[in-house]
């Protein structure tokens, strides 16, 4: 999947025009592809389990290669496990988080369409875990925060951007719309 996304980005750079300029707003969304150590909700591929993770994001271009913004984490997962003794446990996890984030880009193509970036931020989250056992139910609430650092690769496609990034938040893929900037 990552190879297909990268190939698509490389092919589109031949016809795209970079449109990331200062005083530009970038809005979009990411989703967690592979879970990391901070959030527990992500798309679950196991039979009988479900999950989703959506990260609406808004950034402001302070300069051509520097974005500052905010990410909102919304996630839910439901998993079912059966122990060796036949006890069935259903776990439901609901998460909500917010993270101020800064990204700094380095152009790796002369036209600025393909960029590597580093990112840093501080994530604050609240998590509600409900375990349904055969005869009872427990609810746990966790509030946590963490500083995170990471990086990724980004492709600017006219008024759109796509990226893949990795950090303590997980491996994420995102699509963004660039608002404003050069016409």
N, C-alpha and C. Protein backbone atom coordinates (compact mmCIF):
# COMPACT_ATOMS: atom_id res chain seq x y z
N UNK A 1 0.82 -1.20 0.00
CA UNK A 1 0.00 0.00 0.00
C UNK A 1 0.86 1.25 0.00
N UNK A 2 1.90 1.26 0.87
CA UNK A 2 2.77 2.43 0.91
C UNK A 2 3.47 2.62 -0.44
N UNK A 3 3.89 1.51 -1.06
CA UNK A 3 4.57 1.59 -2.35
C UNK A 3 3.65 2.14 -3.42
N UNK A 4 2.39 1.73 -3.41
CA UNK A 4 1.42 2.24 -4.38
C UNK A 4 1.19 3.74 -4.20
N UNK A 5 1.07 4.17 -2.95
CA UNK A 5 0.87 5.59 -2.66
C UNK A 5 2.09 6.40 -3.11
N UNK A 6 3.28 5.91 -2.83
CA UNK A 6 4.50 6.59 -3.24
C UNK A 6 4.60 6.66 -4.75
N UNK A 7 4.28 5.57 -5.44
CA UNK A 7 4.32 5.55 -6.90
C UNK A 7 3.33 6.55 -7.47
N UNK A 8 2.13 6.61 -6.90
CA UNK A 8 1.13 7.57 -7.35
C UNK A 8 1.66 9.00 -7.18
N UNK A 9 2.27 9.28 -6.03
CA UNK A 9 2.83 10.61 -5.78
C UNK A 9 3.90 10.95 -6.81
N UNK A 10 4.78 10.01 -7.09
CA UNK A 10 5.86 10.26 -8.04
C UNK A 10 5.33 10.51 -9.45
N UNK A 11 4.32 9.75 -9.85
CA UNK A 11 3.74 9.95 -11.18
C UNK A 11 3.05 11.30 -11.29
N UNK A 12 2.35 11.69 -10.25
CA UNK A 12 1.62 12.96 -10.30
C UNK A 12 2.53 14.17 -10.21
N UNK A 13 3.73 14.01 -9.70
CA UNK A 13 4.64 15.16 -9.63
C UNK A 13 5.03 15.65 -11.02
N UNK A 14 4.93 14.80 -12.01
CA UNK A 14 5.29 15.20 -13.37
C UNK A 14 4.30 16.21 -13.94
N UNK A 15 3.04 16.21 -13.47
CA UNK A 15 2.03 17.11 -14.02
C UNK A 15 1.49 18.11 -13.01
N UNK A 16 1.88 17.98 -11.77
CA UNK A 16 1.32 18.85 -10.73
C UNK A 16 2.12 20.14 -10.61
N UNK A 17 1.51 21.12 -10.00
CA UNK A 17 2.18 22.39 -9.71
C UNK A 17 2.10 22.63 -8.22
N UNK A 18 3.25 22.79 -7.57
CA UNK A 18 3.27 22.96 -6.12
C UNK A 18 2.52 24.22 -5.73
N UNK A 19 1.66 24.13 -4.72
CA UNK A 19 0.82 25.25 -4.31
C UNK A 19 0.85 25.49 -2.81
N UNK A 20 1.94 25.20 -2.14
CA UNK A 20 2.04 25.43 -0.71
C UNK A 20 2.86 26.70 -0.49
N UNK A 21 2.20 27.78 -0.11
CA UNK A 21 2.87 29.07 0.07
C UNK A 21 2.48 29.66 1.41
N UNK A 22 3.24 30.66 1.87
CA UNK A 22 2.93 31.28 3.16
C UNK A 22 1.50 31.82 3.20
N UNK A 23 0.95 31.87 4.41
CA UNK A 23 -0.41 32.34 4.68
C UNK A 23 -1.47 31.51 3.97
N UNK A 24 -1.20 30.23 3.85
CA UNK A 24 -2.13 29.28 3.25
C UNK A 24 -2.68 28.38 4.35
N UNK A 25 -3.95 28.06 4.27
CA UNK A 25 -4.57 27.11 5.20
C UNK A 25 -4.59 25.74 4.55
N UNK A 26 -4.36 24.73 5.33
CA UNK A 26 -4.41 23.35 4.86
C UNK A 26 -5.34 22.59 5.80
N UNK A 27 -6.41 22.02 5.24
CA UNK A 27 -7.35 21.23 6.05
C UNK A 27 -7.45 19.83 5.47
N UNK A 28 -7.68 18.87 6.32
CA UNK A 28 -7.79 17.51 5.82
C UNK A 28 -8.02 16.53 6.94
N UNK A 29 -7.69 15.28 6.66
CA UNK A 29 -7.88 14.23 7.64
C UNK A 29 -6.83 13.14 7.44
N UNK A 30 -6.50 12.50 8.55
CA UNK A 30 -5.59 11.37 8.54
C UNK A 30 -6.32 10.19 9.17
N UNK A 31 -5.80 9.02 8.95
CA UNK A 31 -6.27 7.84 9.66
C UNK A 31 -5.06 7.00 10.04
N UNK A 32 -5.16 6.33 11.17
CA UNK A 32 -4.07 5.50 11.63
C UNK A 32 -4.11 4.17 10.89
N UNK A 33 -3.02 3.84 10.22
CA UNK A 33 -2.91 2.60 9.48
C UNK A 33 -2.36 1.50 10.39
N UNK A 34 -1.36 1.85 11.18
CA UNK A 34 -0.77 0.93 12.15
C UNK A 34 -0.72 1.64 13.50
N UNK A 35 -1.22 0.99 14.53
CA UNK A 35 -1.30 1.57 15.87
C UNK A 35 0.09 1.73 16.48
N UNK A 36 0.21 2.71 17.37
CA UNK A 36 1.46 2.92 18.10
C UNK A 36 1.17 2.80 19.59
N UNK A 37 1.94 3.50 20.40
CA UNK A 37 1.83 3.31 21.85
C UNK A 37 0.94 4.32 22.56
N UNK A 38 0.34 5.27 21.87
CA UNK A 38 -0.44 6.29 22.57
C UNK A 38 -1.93 6.08 22.41
N UNK A 39 -2.41 5.94 21.18
CA UNK A 39 -3.83 5.71 20.94
C UNK A 39 -4.08 4.22 20.75
N UNK A 40 -5.25 3.77 21.15
CA UNK A 40 -5.59 2.35 21.07
C UNK A 40 -6.61 2.02 19.99
N UNK A 41 -7.18 3.01 19.32
CA UNK A 41 -8.19 2.74 18.30
C UNK A 41 -7.56 2.90 16.92
N UNK A 42 -7.90 1.99 16.05
CA UNK A 42 -7.41 2.00 14.68
C UNK A 42 -8.24 0.98 13.91
N UNK A 43 -8.18 1.00 12.58
CA UNK A 43 -8.95 0.02 11.83
C UNK A 43 -8.51 -1.40 12.19
N UNK A 44 -9.43 -2.21 12.67
CA UNK A 44 -9.12 -3.57 13.11
C UNK A 44 -9.47 -4.53 11.98
N UNK A 45 -8.53 -5.38 11.61
CA UNK A 45 -8.74 -6.28 10.49
C UNK A 45 -9.10 -7.71 10.91
N UNK A 46 -9.21 -7.95 12.21
CA UNK A 46 -9.52 -9.30 12.67
C UNK A 46 -11.03 -9.55 12.58
N UNK A 47 -11.44 -10.77 12.21
CA UNK A 47 -12.87 -11.07 12.12
C UNK A 47 -13.56 -10.86 13.48
N UNK A 48 -14.73 -10.25 13.46
CA UNK A 48 -15.50 -10.03 14.68
C UNK A 48 -15.12 -8.77 15.43
N UNK A 49 -14.05 -8.10 15.03
CA UNK A 49 -13.62 -6.87 15.67
C UNK A 49 -13.82 -5.71 14.71
N UNK A 50 -14.10 -4.54 15.25
CA UNK A 50 -14.28 -3.36 14.41
C UNK A 50 -13.51 -2.20 15.03
N UNK A 51 -13.24 -1.21 14.21
CA UNK A 51 -12.57 -0.03 14.73
C UNK A 51 -12.42 1.02 13.66
N UNK A 52 -12.33 2.26 14.09
CA UNK A 52 -12.02 3.35 13.17
C UNK A 52 -11.23 4.40 13.93
N UNK A 53 -10.54 5.20 13.17
CA UNK A 53 -9.72 6.25 13.73
C UNK A 53 -9.69 7.36 12.70
N UNK A 54 -10.11 8.55 13.08
CA UNK A 54 -10.12 9.68 12.16
C UNK A 54 -9.45 10.86 12.86
N UNK A 55 -8.60 11.55 12.12
CA UNK A 55 -7.85 12.67 12.68
C UNK A 55 -8.06 13.90 11.78
N UNK A 56 -9.17 14.65 11.98
CA UNK A 56 -9.32 15.91 11.24
C UNK A 56 -8.18 16.85 11.63
N UNK A 57 -7.63 17.54 10.63
CA UNK A 57 -6.45 18.37 10.86
C UNK A 57 -6.60 19.71 10.16
N UNK A 58 -6.09 20.75 10.79
CA UNK A 58 -6.03 22.07 10.17
C UNK A 58 -4.66 22.67 10.48
N UNK A 59 -4.02 23.21 9.43
CA UNK A 59 -2.70 23.79 9.56
C UNK A 59 -2.68 25.16 8.88
N UNK A 60 -1.75 25.99 9.32
CA UNK A 60 -1.53 27.30 8.71
C UNK A 60 -0.08 27.35 8.26
N UNK A 61 0.15 27.75 7.02
CA UNK A 61 1.52 27.84 6.49
C UNK A 61 2.15 29.14 6.94
N UNK A 62 3.04 29.04 7.91
CA UNK A 62 3.78 30.20 8.41
C UNK A 62 4.80 30.63 7.38
N UNK A 63 5.40 29.67 6.72
CA UNK A 63 6.30 29.92 5.59
C UNK A 63 6.12 28.77 4.60
N UNK A 64 6.85 28.80 3.51
CA UNK A 64 6.69 27.76 2.50
C UNK A 64 6.96 26.38 3.06
N UNK A 65 7.87 26.26 3.97
CA UNK A 65 8.24 24.95 4.49
C UNK A 65 7.89 24.74 5.96
N UNK A 66 6.97 25.52 6.49
CA UNK A 66 6.65 25.38 7.91
C UNK A 66 5.14 25.53 8.11
N UNK A 67 4.51 24.46 8.61
CA UNK A 67 3.10 24.48 8.95
C UNK A 67 2.93 24.32 10.45
N UNK A 68 1.99 25.05 11.03
CA UNK A 68 1.62 24.89 12.43
C UNK A 68 0.11 24.67 12.46
N UNK A 69 -0.34 23.76 13.31
CA UNK A 69 -1.76 23.50 13.30
C UNK A 69 -2.25 22.66 14.46
N UNK A 70 -3.44 22.11 14.27
CA UNK A 70 -4.13 21.37 15.31
C UNK A 70 -4.72 20.10 14.69
N UNK A 71 -4.58 18.98 15.43
CA UNK A 71 -5.17 17.72 15.01
C UNK A 71 -6.15 17.26 16.09
N UNK A 72 -7.29 16.75 15.67
CA UNK A 72 -8.29 16.22 16.58
C UNK A 72 -8.37 14.71 16.36
N UNK A 73 -8.19 13.94 17.40
CA UNK A 73 -8.22 12.47 17.33
C UNK A 73 -9.60 11.98 17.76
N UNK A 74 -10.26 11.20 16.91
CA UNK A 74 -11.53 10.59 17.25
C UNK A 74 -11.41 9.11 16.89
N UNK A 75 -11.69 8.24 17.86
CA UNK A 75 -11.54 6.82 17.56
C UNK A 75 -12.47 5.94 18.38
N UNK A 76 -12.76 4.78 17.82
CA UNK A 76 -13.58 3.78 18.51
C UNK A 76 -13.14 2.40 18.04
N UNK A 77 -13.09 1.46 18.97
CA UNK A 77 -12.83 0.08 18.59
C UNK A 77 -13.63 -0.86 19.49
N UNK A 78 -13.98 -2.00 18.93
CA UNK A 78 -14.68 -3.04 19.67
C UNK A 78 -14.01 -4.37 19.36
N UNK A 79 -13.63 -5.08 20.40
CA UNK A 79 -12.94 -6.36 20.22
C UNK A 79 -13.60 -7.42 21.09
N UNK A 80 -13.58 -8.64 20.61
CA UNK A 80 -14.15 -9.76 21.35
C UNK A 80 -13.06 -10.82 21.52
N UNK A 81 -12.89 -11.28 22.76
CA UNK A 81 -11.91 -12.33 23.05
C UNK A 81 -12.58 -13.42 23.87
N UNK A 82 -12.18 -14.64 23.60
CA UNK A 82 -12.67 -15.78 24.38
C UNK A 82 -11.47 -16.47 25.02
N UNK A 83 -11.50 -16.60 26.34
CA UNK A 83 -10.39 -17.23 27.04
C UNK A 83 -10.46 -18.74 26.88
N UNK A 84 -9.40 -19.42 27.32
CA UNK A 84 -9.35 -20.89 27.24
C UNK A 84 -10.50 -21.52 28.04
N UNK A 85 -10.95 -20.84 29.10
CA UNK A 85 -12.05 -21.36 29.92
C UNK A 85 -13.42 -21.03 29.36
N UNK A 86 -13.48 -20.38 28.18
CA UNK A 86 -14.75 -20.07 27.56
C UNK A 86 -15.36 -18.75 27.99
N UNK A 87 -14.64 -17.95 28.80
CA UNK A 87 -15.15 -16.65 29.23
C UNK A 87 -15.00 -15.66 28.07
N UNK A 88 -16.10 -15.02 27.72
CA UNK A 88 -16.09 -14.06 26.62
C UNK A 88 -15.94 -12.65 27.18
N UNK A 89 -15.00 -11.91 26.63
CA UNK A 89 -14.79 -10.52 27.02
C UNK A 89 -14.98 -9.65 25.78
N UNK A 90 -15.82 -8.63 25.91
CA UNK A 90 -15.99 -7.64 24.85
C UNK A 90 -15.45 -6.32 25.37
N UNK A 91 -14.53 -5.74 24.63
CA UNK A 91 -13.91 -4.49 25.03
C UNK A 91 -14.27 -3.40 24.03
N UNK A 92 -14.78 -2.28 24.54
CA UNK A 92 -15.11 -1.12 23.72
C UNK A 92 -14.21 0.03 24.17
N UNK A 93 -13.50 0.64 23.22
CA UNK A 93 -12.60 1.75 23.53
C UNK A 93 -13.06 2.97 22.73
N UNK A 94 -13.28 4.08 23.42
CA UNK A 94 -13.63 5.35 22.79
C UNK A 94 -12.56 6.36 23.15
N UNK A 95 -12.03 7.06 22.15
CA UNK A 95 -10.95 8.03 22.40
C UNK A 95 -11.27 9.38 21.78
N UNK A 96 -10.81 10.41 22.45
CA UNK A 96 -10.89 11.77 21.95
C UNK A 96 -9.61 12.46 22.34
N UNK A 97 -8.95 13.08 21.40
CA UNK A 97 -7.69 13.75 21.70
C UNK A 97 -7.51 14.99 20.85
N UNK A 98 -6.59 15.83 21.29
CA UNK A 98 -6.26 17.05 20.55
C UNK A 98 -4.75 17.24 20.63
N UNK A 99 -4.16 17.72 19.52
CA UNK A 99 -2.71 17.87 19.48
C UNK A 99 -2.31 19.09 18.67
N UNK A 100 -1.68 20.10 19.31
CA UNK A 100 -1.04 21.15 18.53
C UNK A 100 0.20 20.55 17.88
N UNK A 101 0.38 20.82 16.58
CA UNK A 101 1.45 20.17 15.81
C UNK A 101 2.17 21.19 14.95
N UNK A 102 3.46 20.98 14.78
CA UNK A 102 4.26 21.78 13.86
C UNK A 102 4.97 20.84 12.90
N UNK A 103 4.97 21.19 11.62
CA UNK A 103 5.64 20.40 10.60
C UNK A 103 6.62 21.28 9.84
N UNK A 104 7.82 20.76 9.61
CA UNK A 104 8.81 21.47 8.81
C UNK A 104 9.19 20.61 7.62
N UNK A 105 9.07 21.17 6.42
CA UNK A 105 9.27 20.43 5.18
C UNK A 105 10.62 20.71 4.55
N UNK A 106 11.16 19.69 3.89
CA UNK A 106 12.38 19.82 3.10
C UNK A 106 12.05 19.32 1.70
N UNK A 107 12.20 20.19 0.70
CA UNK A 107 11.91 19.79 -0.68
C UNK A 107 12.95 18.76 -1.13
N UNK A 108 12.46 17.69 -1.75
CA UNK A 108 13.40 16.70 -2.29
C UNK A 108 13.32 16.62 -3.82
N UNK A 109 12.46 17.46 -4.40
CA UNK A 109 12.44 17.62 -5.85
C UNK A 109 12.61 19.11 -6.14
N UNK A 110 13.20 19.45 -7.27
CA UNK A 110 13.43 20.88 -7.58
C UNK A 110 12.15 21.71 -7.62
N UNK A 111 11.02 21.12 -8.02
CA UNK A 111 9.78 21.87 -8.11
C UNK A 111 9.01 21.93 -6.79
N UNK A 112 9.51 21.29 -5.74
CA UNK A 112 8.87 21.36 -4.42
C UNK A 112 7.63 20.52 -4.27
N UNK A 113 7.37 19.63 -5.20
CA UNK A 113 6.15 18.83 -5.13
C UNK A 113 6.27 17.65 -4.18
N UNK A 114 7.46 17.12 -4.04
CA UNK A 114 7.70 15.99 -3.15
C UNK A 114 8.57 16.48 -2.00
N UNK A 115 8.09 16.25 -0.78
CA UNK A 115 8.77 16.80 0.39
C UNK A 115 8.91 15.74 1.48
N UNK A 116 10.02 15.79 2.18
CA UNK A 116 10.16 15.07 3.43
C UNK A 116 9.80 16.05 4.53
N UNK A 117 9.28 15.56 5.64
CA UNK A 117 8.99 16.49 6.72
C UNK A 117 9.23 15.85 8.07
N UNK A 118 9.57 16.72 9.00
CA UNK A 118 9.66 16.35 10.39
C UNK A 118 8.50 17.02 11.10
N UNK A 119 8.02 16.39 12.16
CA UNK A 119 6.90 16.99 12.89
C UNK A 119 7.09 16.77 14.38
N UNK A 120 6.52 17.68 15.13
CA UNK A 120 6.56 17.59 16.59
C UNK A 120 5.26 18.15 17.12
N UNK A 121 4.84 17.63 18.26
CA UNK A 121 3.60 18.11 18.84
C UNK A 121 3.42 17.60 20.26
N UNK A 122 2.31 17.99 20.84
CA UNK A 122 1.95 17.56 22.18
C UNK A 122 0.52 17.08 22.11
N UNK A 123 0.29 15.80 22.37
CA UNK A 123 -1.05 15.23 22.27
C UNK A 123 -1.66 15.07 23.66
N UNK A 124 -2.91 15.47 23.77
CA UNK A 124 -3.70 15.31 24.99
C UNK A 124 -4.89 14.43 24.63
N UNK A 125 -5.16 13.40 25.41
CA UNK A 125 -6.26 12.51 25.05
C UNK A 125 -6.98 11.99 26.28
N UNK A 126 -8.23 11.65 26.06
CA UNK A 126 -9.01 10.96 27.08
C UNK A 126 -9.54 9.69 26.44
N UNK A 127 -9.55 8.64 27.22
CA UNK A 127 -9.91 7.33 26.71
C UNK A 127 -10.88 6.67 27.68
N UNK A 128 -11.92 6.06 27.15
CA UNK A 128 -12.88 5.33 27.97
C UNK A 128 -12.88 3.88 27.50
N UNK A 129 -12.56 2.98 28.42
CA UNK A 129 -12.49 1.55 28.11
C UNK A 129 -13.58 0.84 28.90
N UNK A 130 -14.43 0.13 28.21
CA UNK A 130 -15.49 -0.64 28.86
C UNK A 130 -15.27 -2.10 28.52
N UNK A 131 -15.06 -2.91 29.56
CA UNK A 131 -14.91 -4.36 29.41
C UNK A 131 -16.19 -5.04 29.88
N UNK A 132 -16.80 -5.80 29.00
CA UNK A 132 -18.00 -6.58 29.33
C UNK A 132 -17.56 -8.03 29.51
N UNK A 133 -17.61 -8.50 30.73
CA UNK A 133 -17.29 -9.89 31.01
C UNK A 133 -18.60 -10.68 31.04
N UNK A 134 -18.51 -11.96 31.23
CA UNK A 134 -19.71 -12.80 31.25
C UNK A 134 -20.70 -12.34 32.31
N UNK A 135 -20.21 -11.96 33.50
CA UNK A 135 -21.12 -11.64 34.60
C UNK A 135 -21.03 -10.20 35.10
N UNK A 136 -20.12 -9.40 34.59
CA UNK A 136 -20.03 -8.02 35.07
C UNK A 136 -19.42 -7.12 34.00
N UNK A 137 -19.31 -5.83 34.35
CA UNK A 137 -18.78 -4.83 33.43
C UNK A 137 -17.87 -3.90 34.21
N UNK A 138 -16.73 -3.52 33.64
CA UNK A 138 -15.85 -2.52 34.25
C UNK A 138 -15.64 -1.38 33.26
N UNK A 139 -15.54 -0.19 33.80
CA UNK A 139 -15.27 0.99 32.98
C UNK A 139 -14.04 1.68 33.52
N UNK A 140 -13.12 2.01 32.64
CA UNK A 140 -11.89 2.69 33.00
C UNK A 140 -11.78 3.96 32.18
N UNK A 141 -11.42 5.05 32.83
CA UNK A 141 -11.17 6.31 32.11
C UNK A 141 -9.70 6.67 32.30
N UNK A 142 -9.07 7.02 31.19
CA UNK A 142 -7.65 7.38 31.22
C UNK A 142 -7.51 8.74 30.55
N UNK A 143 -6.80 9.63 31.19
CA UNK A 143 -6.44 10.91 30.59
C UNK A 143 -4.92 10.94 30.54
N UNK A 144 -4.38 11.29 29.38
CA UNK A 144 -2.94 11.19 29.20
C UNK A 144 -2.47 12.28 28.26
N UNK A 145 -1.20 12.52 28.27
CA UNK A 145 -0.58 13.44 27.32
C UNK A 145 0.81 12.94 27.00
N UNK A 146 1.28 13.27 25.81
CA UNK A 146 2.61 12.88 25.41
C UNK A 146 3.14 13.83 24.36
N UNK A 147 4.44 14.08 24.42
CA UNK A 147 5.11 14.81 23.35
C UNK A 147 5.48 13.79 22.29
N UNK A 148 5.40 14.17 21.04
CA UNK A 148 5.77 13.22 19.99
C UNK A 148 6.58 13.91 18.91
N UNK A 149 7.42 13.11 18.29
CA UNK A 149 8.25 13.54 17.17
C UNK A 149 8.10 12.49 16.08
N UNK A 150 8.21 12.90 14.85
CA UNK A 150 8.09 11.93 13.77
C UNK A 150 8.45 12.57 12.46
N UNK A 151 8.11 11.88 11.40
CA UNK A 151 8.42 12.38 10.08
C UNK A 151 7.61 11.66 9.04
N UNK A 152 7.75 12.11 7.81
CA UNK A 152 7.00 11.48 6.74
C UNK A 152 7.40 12.00 5.38
N UNK A 153 6.63 11.59 4.40
CA UNK A 153 6.82 12.04 3.03
C UNK A 153 5.49 12.62 2.56
N UNK A 154 5.56 13.73 1.82
CA UNK A 154 4.37 14.47 1.42
C UNK A 154 4.47 14.79 -0.06
N UNK A 155 3.35 14.76 -0.74
CA UNK A 155 3.28 15.09 -2.16
C UNK A 155 2.23 16.19 -2.34
N UNK A 156 2.63 17.30 -2.95
CA UNK A 156 1.72 18.42 -3.20
C UNK A 156 1.20 18.28 -4.62
N UNK A 157 -0.12 18.19 -4.75
CA UNK A 157 -0.77 17.99 -6.05
C UNK A 157 -1.74 19.13 -6.31
N UNK A 158 -1.27 20.18 -6.93
CA UNK A 158 -2.05 21.39 -7.17
C UNK A 158 -2.62 21.91 -5.85
N UNK A 159 -3.88 21.75 -5.61
CA UNK A 159 -4.49 22.23 -4.36
C UNK A 159 -4.72 21.10 -3.37
N UNK A 160 -4.05 19.98 -3.55
CA UNK A 160 -4.19 18.82 -2.66
C UNK A 160 -2.82 18.37 -2.18
N UNK A 161 -2.80 17.77 -1.01
CA UNK A 161 -1.59 17.17 -0.48
C UNK A 161 -1.94 15.78 0.04
N UNK A 162 -1.05 14.82 -0.16
CA UNK A 162 -1.20 13.50 0.43
C UNK A 162 0.10 13.19 1.15
N UNK A 163 -0.01 12.46 2.27
CA UNK A 163 1.21 12.12 2.97
C UNK A 163 1.07 10.82 3.74
N UNK A 164 2.21 10.30 4.12
CA UNK A 164 2.33 9.16 5.02
C UNK A 164 3.30 9.61 6.09
N UNK A 165 2.93 9.44 7.38
CA UNK A 165 3.83 9.87 8.45
C UNK A 165 3.84 8.86 9.57
N UNK A 166 4.95 8.85 10.31
CA UNK A 166 5.11 7.92 11.42
C UNK A 166 5.62 8.69 12.64
N UNK A 167 5.03 8.36 13.80
CA UNK A 167 5.44 8.96 15.07
C UNK A 167 4.90 8.07 16.19
N UNK A 168 4.95 8.56 17.41
CA UNK A 168 4.36 7.83 18.54
C UNK A 168 2.85 7.70 18.39
N UNK A 169 2.24 8.47 17.50
CA UNK A 169 0.81 8.38 17.25
C UNK A 169 0.48 7.20 16.36
N UNK A 170 1.47 6.64 15.68
CA UNK A 170 1.27 5.51 14.79
C UNK A 170 1.70 5.85 13.37
N UNK A 171 1.48 4.92 12.47
CA UNK A 171 1.70 5.16 11.05
C UNK A 171 0.38 5.65 10.49
N UNK A 172 0.39 6.87 9.94
CA UNK A 172 -0.83 7.49 9.45
C UNK A 172 -0.71 7.86 7.99
N UNK A 173 -1.85 7.87 7.31
CA UNK A 173 -1.95 8.35 5.94
C UNK A 173 -2.96 9.49 5.95
N UNK A 174 -2.66 10.55 5.19
CA UNK A 174 -3.54 11.71 5.20
C UNK A 174 -3.77 12.30 3.83
N UNK A 175 -4.90 12.99 3.69
CA UNK A 175 -5.26 13.74 2.49
C UNK A 175 -5.70 15.12 2.96
N UNK A 176 -5.22 16.17 2.28
CA UNK A 176 -5.46 17.54 2.71
C UNK A 176 -5.81 18.42 1.51
N UNK A 177 -6.58 19.45 1.77
CA UNK A 177 -6.93 20.45 0.76
C UNK A 177 -6.21 21.73 1.12
N UNK A 178 -5.53 22.32 0.13
CA UNK A 178 -4.83 23.58 0.34
C UNK A 178 -5.77 24.71 -0.04
N UNK A 179 -5.99 25.64 0.90
CA UNK A 179 -6.90 26.78 0.68
C UNK A 179 -6.09 28.06 0.63
N UNK A 180 -6.30 28.86 -0.40
CA UNK A 180 -5.56 30.11 -0.53
C UNK A 180 -4.27 29.87 -1.28
N UNK A 181 -3.35 30.80 -1.14
CA UNK A 181 -2.06 30.67 -1.81
C UNK A 181 -2.14 31.09 -3.26
N UNK A 182 -1.17 30.65 -4.06
CA UNK A 182 -1.09 31.02 -5.47
C UNK A 182 -2.25 30.43 -6.25
N UNK A 183 -2.71 31.18 -7.25
CA UNK A 183 -3.78 30.70 -8.12
C UNK A 183 -3.18 30.01 -9.32
